[in-house]
Amino acid sequence: MILPFGLSSSAAAGDRTSGPAPACVAMYESWRYTDAANNCADTVGVMVVYQDGATGPCSTLPPGASSTVGEGYLGRHGHPDHLAACEPS
């Protein structure tokens, strides 16, 4: 598999996506960072999927936690498109 120069995928590095993140996980984008807030009753794994198809690393968020999970719109992959559920490797 050959990826175009500049594209990277954490999924290729071992993290596995399993569809979109649950609706109870919120994504917030600033000019510099993308944050996620877990409003679910259970711990979730999420990764950012960018508009160019690249993915960020898988982050584990316990219930009620918020964390920076990726780059904002000035990052090398542009705006985040959505959060995907993932299982850390």
Protein backbone atom coordinates (compact mmCIF):
# COMPACT_ATOMS: atom_id res chain seq x y z
CA MET A 1 0.00 0.00 0.00
CA ILE A 2 1.44 3.36 -1.01
CA LEU A 3 0.20 6.52 0.67
CA PRO A 4 0.71 9.92 -0.98
CA PHE A 5 3.54 11.93 0.57
CA GLY A 6 2.38 13.80 3.66
CA LEU A 7 -0.51 11.50 4.47
CA SER A 8 -0.22 9.34 7.50
CA SER A 9 -2.66 7.08 9.19
CA SER A 10 -2.54 5.90 12.76
CA ALA A 11 -4.82 3.09 11.71
CA ALA A 12 -1.98 1.81 9.56
CA ALA A 13 0.30 2.01 12.60
CA GLY A 14 -1.86 -0.31 14.67
CA ASP A 15 -4.93 1.60 15.88
CA ARG A 16 -8.16 0.20 14.48
CA THR A 17 -11.22 2.26 13.67
CA SER A 18 -14.63 0.78 14.24
CA GLY A 19 -17.00 3.34 12.72
CA PRO A 20 -18.07 6.76 13.91
CA ALA A 21 -17.64 7.79 17.54
CA PRO A 22 -20.78 7.57 19.71
CA ALA A 23 -23.11 10.57 19.59
CA CYS A 24 -22.36 11.25 23.28
CA VAL A 25 -18.77 12.25 22.38
CA ALA A 26 -18.45 15.92 21.40
CA MET A 27 -15.73 17.39 19.17
CA TYR A 28 -14.50 20.99 19.54
CA GLU A 29 -12.15 22.58 17.02
CA SER A 30 -9.99 25.65 17.56
CA TRP A 31 -7.39 27.16 15.26
CA ARG A 32 -4.70 25.03 16.89
CA TYR A 33 -6.26 21.93 18.48
CA THR A 34 -9.15 19.51 18.24
CA ASP A 35 -10.59 18.45 21.59
CA ALA A 36 -13.05 15.71 22.46
CA ALA A 37 -15.34 15.45 25.48
CA ASN A 38 -16.73 12.10 26.59
CA ASN A 39 -20.29 12.61 27.79
CA CYS A 40 -20.93 8.84 27.68
CA ALA A 41 -21.38 6.51 30.66
CA ASP A 42 -18.50 4.30 29.45
CA THR A 43 -14.84 4.80 28.51
CA VAL A 44 -14.41 5.34 24.76
CA GLY A 45 -11.52 5.35 22.29
CA VAL A 46 -11.67 8.08 19.64
CA MET A 47 -9.47 9.39 16.83
CA VAL A 48 -9.78 12.44 14.59
CA VAL A 49 -10.48 11.82 10.91
CA TYR A 50 -9.37 14.82 8.85
CA GLN A 51 -10.88 16.10 5.62
CA ASP A 52 -7.96 14.69 3.64
CA GLY A 53 -8.62 11.19 5.05
CA ALA A 54 -5.67 11.11 7.46
CA THR A 55 -6.33 9.99 11.03
CA GLY A 56 -4.87 11.00 14.35
CA PRO A 57 -3.78 8.72 17.17
CA CYS A 58 -6.36 6.81 19.19
CA SER A 59 -7.12 8.51 22.51
CA THR A 60 -8.86 6.79 25.42
CA LEU A 61 -11.34 8.99 27.30
CA PRO A 62 -12.99 7.89 30.56
CA PRO A 63 -16.54 9.10 31.30
CA GLY A 64 -16.65 12.87 31.83
CA ALA A 65 -13.11 13.44 30.49
CA SER A 66 -12.01 16.02 27.92
CA SER A 67 -8.73 15.92 26.05
CA THR A 68 -6.87 17.29 23.05
CA VAL A 69 -7.08 14.59 20.39
CA GLY A 70 -5.61 16.26 17.29
CA GLU A 71 -4.63 19.33 15.36
CA GLY A 72 -6.99 22.20 14.61
CA TYR A 73 -7.66 23.71 11.21
CA LEU A 74 -4.11 25.04 10.81
CA GLY A 75 -2.66 21.53 11.02
CA ARG A 76 -1.05 19.74 8.08
CA HIS A 77 -4.26 17.83 7.27
CA GLY A 78 -6.70 20.76 7.37
CA HIS A 79 -9.96 20.72 9.29
CA PRO A 80 -11.05 17.67 11.26
CA ASP A 81 -14.03 16.02 9.59
CA HIS A 82 -15.31 13.81 12.43
CA LEU A 83 -14.33 11.54 15.31
CA ALA A 84 -14.13 7.79 14.76
CA ALA A 85 -14.32 5.10 17.42
CA CYS A 86 -11.06 3.17 17.77
CA GLU A 87 -9.31 0.52 19.80
CA PRO A 88 -5.79 1.44 20.94
CA SER A 89 -3.13 -1.02 19.90
